[in-house]
Amino acid sequence: MTAMTTGNASRADVNRRRILDVALAELLRDPDASMDQIARAAGVVRRTVYGHFPSREALIGTLFEGAVEAVEAAHAAGREGVEDPAESLVRSTLAVWEIADRYRLLVALAQRSVTVQGIRDRLTPVREASAELLGRGLEQGVFESPLPPRALAYVHEQMLFALMEAVNDGLLAAEEAGRSAAVTMLTTAGVPASRATGLVAELSV
């Protein structure tokens, strides 16, 4: 590959990254932002945007893929080195919520352009890791639920989506949502509310 070719590829990568960053900001500001708006905000012509993303749906899908990767990394970081299942659940939920809070309006957009099954498929690694964590907690008696681990992990996933929608609709304050989500995950896993609230308060300081 020649230096000129490498330089062109590098500029294309920079343009693509800039378009994605600007698109996220524009879509969070205006969920109905058009490709023209995004191009103007990114300082490029519309043809450049379409050169990277053939449609608005493709652009949103790419942004959602990035969000899923960030959620997966945050979930893993929250669990890393933590043996106690309850603490691990709290830390991973708080870590995921920091990412989810940034992307929560994008989730609503993704539901228009990405099928529900598609969203579920993309979140499979996070769901499987959650099921493993919940399974350990159930075996150790830290958690208690009539549901098997994978079903409980699915319930937790759907509850996080519901909490994001509650914030979007103004039913839950964004600054309280992360802690509320962590308490909700614990109580749904059978941890008494008083202990769940205390543990989340301790770990979110």
Protein backbone atom coordinates (compact mmCIF):
# COMPACT_ATOMS: atom_id res chain seq x y z
CA MET A 1 0.00 0.00 0.00
CA THR A 2 1.45 3.39 -0.99
CA ALA A 3 1.76 6.31 1.38
CA MET A 4 -0.92 8.15 -0.62
CA THR A 5 -3.31 5.21 -0.33
CA THR A 6 -2.61 4.95 3.39
CA GLY A 7 -3.22 8.67 3.78
CA ASN A 8 -6.54 8.46 1.93
CA ALA A 9 -7.63 5.52 4.08
CA SER A 10 -6.63 7.40 7.21
CA ARG A 11 -8.62 10.48 6.15
CA ALA A 12 -11.60 8.28 5.37
CA ASP A 13 -11.40 6.72 8.84
CA VAL A 14 -11.18 10.16 10.44
CA ASN A 15 -14.16 11.37 8.42
CA ARG A 16 -16.17 8.29 9.34
CA ARG A 17 -15.38 8.70 13.04
CA ARG A 18 -16.28 12.39 12.91
CA ILE A 19 -19.56 11.66 11.15
CA LEU A 20 -20.45 9.08 13.81
CA ASP A 21 -19.57 11.43 16.69
CA VAL A 22 -21.51 14.31 15.18
CA ALA A 23 -24.44 12.08 14.23
CA LEU A 24 -24.75 10.83 17.80
CA ALA A 25 -24.75 14.39 19.15
CA GLU A 26 -27.26 15.56 16.54
CA LEU A 27 -29.60 12.60 17.03
CA LEU A 28 -29.54 13.01 20.80
CA ARG A 29 -30.37 16.70 20.30
CA ASP A 30 -32.96 16.04 17.59
CA PRO A 31 -34.08 12.41 17.14
CA ASP A 32 -35.51 13.30 13.72
CA ALA A 33 -32.25 14.81 12.44
CA SER A 34 -31.84 14.11 8.73
CA MET A 35 -28.73 12.99 6.88
CA ASP A 36 -28.52 16.56 5.48
CA GLN A 37 -28.47 18.00 9.00
CA ILE A 38 -25.82 15.53 10.09
CA ALA A 39 -23.68 16.32 7.04
CA ARG A 40 -23.89 20.08 7.69
CA ALA A 41 -23.04 19.62 11.37
CA ALA A 42 -20.06 17.43 10.43
CA GLY A 43 -18.85 19.97 7.88
CA VAL A 44 -19.05 17.58 4.94
CA VAL A 45 -21.28 17.22 1.90
CA ARG A 46 -24.17 14.79 1.99
CA ARG A 47 -22.43 12.54 -0.54
CA THR A 48 -19.61 11.97 1.96
CA VAL A 49 -22.06 10.80 4.62
CA TYR A 50 -23.78 8.46 2.17
CA GLY A 51 -20.38 7.20 1.07
CA HIS A 52 -19.88 5.78 4.54
CA PHE A 53 -23.49 4.97 5.41
CA PRO A 54 -25.95 4.12 2.62
CA SER A 55 -28.99 5.12 4.69
CA ARG A 56 -30.04 6.80 7.92
CA GLU A 57 -30.97 3.35 9.25
CA ALA A 58 -27.46 2.08 8.50
CA LEU A 59 -25.98 5.05 10.35
CA ILE A 60 -28.18 4.48 13.41
CA GLY A 61 -27.39 0.76 13.28
CA THR A 62 -23.65 1.53 13.33
CA LEU A 63 -24.10 3.89 16.27
CA PHE A 64 -26.07 1.22 18.08
CA GLU A 65 -23.31 -1.33 17.43
CA GLY A 66 -20.86 1.06 19.07
CA ALA A 67 -23.20 1.47 22.02
CA VAL A 68 -23.46 -2.30 22.46
CA GLU A 69 -19.67 -2.66 22.39
CA ALA A 70 -19.38 0.05 25.05
CA VAL A 71 -22.05 -1.63 27.20
CA GLU A 72 -20.28 -4.98 26.90
CA ALA A 73 -16.94 -3.44 27.94
CA ALA A 74 -18.54 -1.59 30.87
CA HIS A 75 -20.33 -4.73 32.06
CA ALA A 76 -17.07 -6.69 32.00
CA ALA A 77 -15.18 -3.90 33.80
CA GLY A 78 -17.83 -3.73 36.52
CA ARG A 79 -17.53 -7.47 37.19
CA GLU A 80 -13.76 -7.69 37.00
CA GLY A 81 -12.09 -8.85 40.20
CA VAL A 82 -15.34 -8.89 42.22
CA GLU A 83 -16.18 -12.22 43.85
CA ASP A 84 -19.41 -11.34 45.67
CA PRO A 85 -22.32 -11.76 43.21
CA ALA A 86 -24.38 -8.96 44.76
CA GLU A 87 -21.50 -6.48 44.61
CA SER A 88 -20.69 -7.63 41.09
CA LEU A 89 -24.30 -7.07 40.02
CA VAL A 90 -24.31 -3.56 41.49
CA ARG A 91 -20.96 -2.55 40.00
CA SER A 92 -21.79 -3.92 36.56
CA THR A 93 -25.23 -2.27 36.57
CA LEU A 94 -23.80 1.11 37.60
CA ALA A 95 -21.07 0.82 34.95
CA VAL A 96 -23.56 -0.13 32.26
CA TRP A 97 -25.92 2.67 33.22
CA GLU A 98 -23.21 5.28 32.70
CA ILE A 99 -23.01 4.11 29.09
CA ALA A 100 -26.75 3.51 28.73
CA ASP A 101 -27.56 7.00 29.99
CA ARG A 102 -25.51 8.49 27.16
CA TYR A 103 -27.19 6.30 24.58
CA ARG A 104 -30.71 5.98 25.99
CA LEU A 105 -32.34 8.18 23.34
CA LEU A 106 -30.45 6.21 20.70
CA VAL A 107 -32.10 3.02 21.97
CA ALA A 108 -35.52 4.46 21.15
CA LEU A 109 -34.24 5.35 17.67
CA ALA A 110 -32.70 1.90 17.21
CA GLN A 111 -36.01 0.28 17.99
CA ARG A 112 -37.40 2.02 14.89
CA SER A 113 -34.60 0.92 12.57
CA VAL A 114 -33.25 -2.28 14.17
CA THR A 115 -35.58 -5.19 14.83
CA VAL A 116 -36.21 -6.21 18.44
CA GLN A 117 -34.65 -9.57 17.60
CA GLY A 118 -31.65 -7.76 16.19
CA ILE A 119 -31.21 -5.81 19.41
CA ARG A 120 -31.51 -9.00 21.44
CA ASP A 121 -28.93 -10.73 19.26
CA ARG A 122 -26.44 -7.89 19.67
CA LEU A 123 -26.80 -8.02 23.45
CA THR A 124 -26.31 -11.79 23.72
CA PRO A 125 -22.75 -11.59 25.19
CA VAL A 126 -23.91 -9.23 27.96
CA ARG A 127 -26.97 -11.37 28.66
CA GLU A 128 -24.88 -14.55 28.88
CA ALA A 129 -22.41 -12.89 31.26
CA SER A 130 -25.33 -11.69 33.39
CA ALA A 131 -26.80 -15.20 33.46
CA GLU A 132 -23.47 -16.61 34.66
CA LEU A 133 -23.29 -14.00 37.42
CA LEU A 134 -26.89 -14.58 38.48
CA GLY A 135 -26.35 -18.34 38.39
CA ARG A 136 -23.45 -18.05 40.83
CA GLY A 137 -25.51 -15.86 43.11
CA LEU A 138 -28.43 -18.29 43.06
CA GLU A 139 -26.16 -21.26 43.81
CA GLN A 140 -24.56 -19.41 46.73
CA GLY A 141 -27.90 -18.30 48.13
CA VAL A 142 -27.04 -14.62 47.65
CA PHE A 143 -29.93 -14.33 45.19
CA GLU A 144 -33.32 -16.00 45.30
CA SER A 145 -35.69 -16.28 42.36
CA PRO A 146 -38.23 -18.71 40.90
CA LEU A 147 -36.61 -18.02 37.52
CA PRO A 148 -33.58 -19.84 36.12
CA PRO A 149 -30.50 -17.63 35.53
CA ARG A 150 -30.99 -17.05 31.80
CA ALA A 151 -34.63 -16.07 32.24
CA LEU A 152 -33.72 -13.74 35.10
CA ALA A 153 -30.97 -12.17 32.96
CA TYR A 154 -33.53 -11.54 30.23
CA VAL A 155 -35.89 -9.91 32.73
CA HIS A 156 -33.05 -7.67 33.94
CA GLU A 157 -32.23 -6.66 30.37
CA GLN A 158 -35.83 -5.70 29.67
CA MET A 159 -36.07 -3.79 32.94
CA LEU A 160 -33.03 -1.71 32.00
CA PHE A 161 -34.69 -0.83 28.69
CA ALA A 162 -37.87 0.10 30.58
CA LEU A 163 -35.92 2.31 32.99
CA MET A 164 -34.26 4.09 30.06
CA GLU A 165 -37.70 4.76 28.62
CA ALA A 166 -38.88 6.02 32.02
CA VAL A 167 -36.02 8.55 32.02
CA ASN A 168 -36.79 9.52 28.41
CA ASP A 169 -40.44 10.11 29.35
CA GLY A 170 -39.54 12.20 32.40
CA LEU A 171 -40.81 9.64 34.91
CA LEU A 172 -37.41 9.06 36.52
CA ALA A 173 -34.69 11.62 37.17
CA ALA A 174 -31.56 10.85 35.13
CA GLU A 175 -29.24 11.58 38.06
CA GLU A 176 -31.02 8.97 40.21
CA ALA A 177 -31.59 6.37 37.51
CA GLY A 178 -28.30 4.48 37.81
CA ARG A 179 -28.69 3.83 41.52
CA SER A 180 -32.38 3.06 41.07
CA ALA A 181 -31.50 0.55 38.35
CA ALA A 182 -28.94 -1.18 40.58
CA VAL A 183 -31.40 -1.45 43.50
CA THR A 184 -34.05 -2.76 41.12
CA MET A 185 -31.69 -5.44 39.76
CA LEU A 186 -30.87 -6.61 43.29
CA THR A 187 -34.45 -6.69 44.56
CA THR A 188 -35.58 -8.53 41.44
CA ALA A 189 -32.90 -11.09 42.21
CA GLY A 190 -34.40 -11.58 45.68
CA VAL A 191 -32.14 -9.31 47.74
CA PRO A 192 -34.13 -7.54 50.51
CA ALA A 193 -34.82 -3.90 49.63
CA SER A 194 -33.06 -2.52 52.73
CA ARG A 195 -29.85 -4.45 51.99
CA ALA A 196 -30.05 -3.60 48.29
CA THR A 197 -30.43 0.12 49.01
CA GLY A 198 -27.58 0.10 51.51
CA LEU A 199 -25.22 -1.80 49.23
CA VAL A 200 -25.88 0.47 46.27
CA ALA A 201 -25.40 3.57 48.43
CA GLU A 202 -22.09 2.16 49.68
CA LEU A 203 -20.78 1.24 46.22
CA SER A 204 -21.94 4.35 44.38
CA VAL A 205 -20.08 6.80 46.62
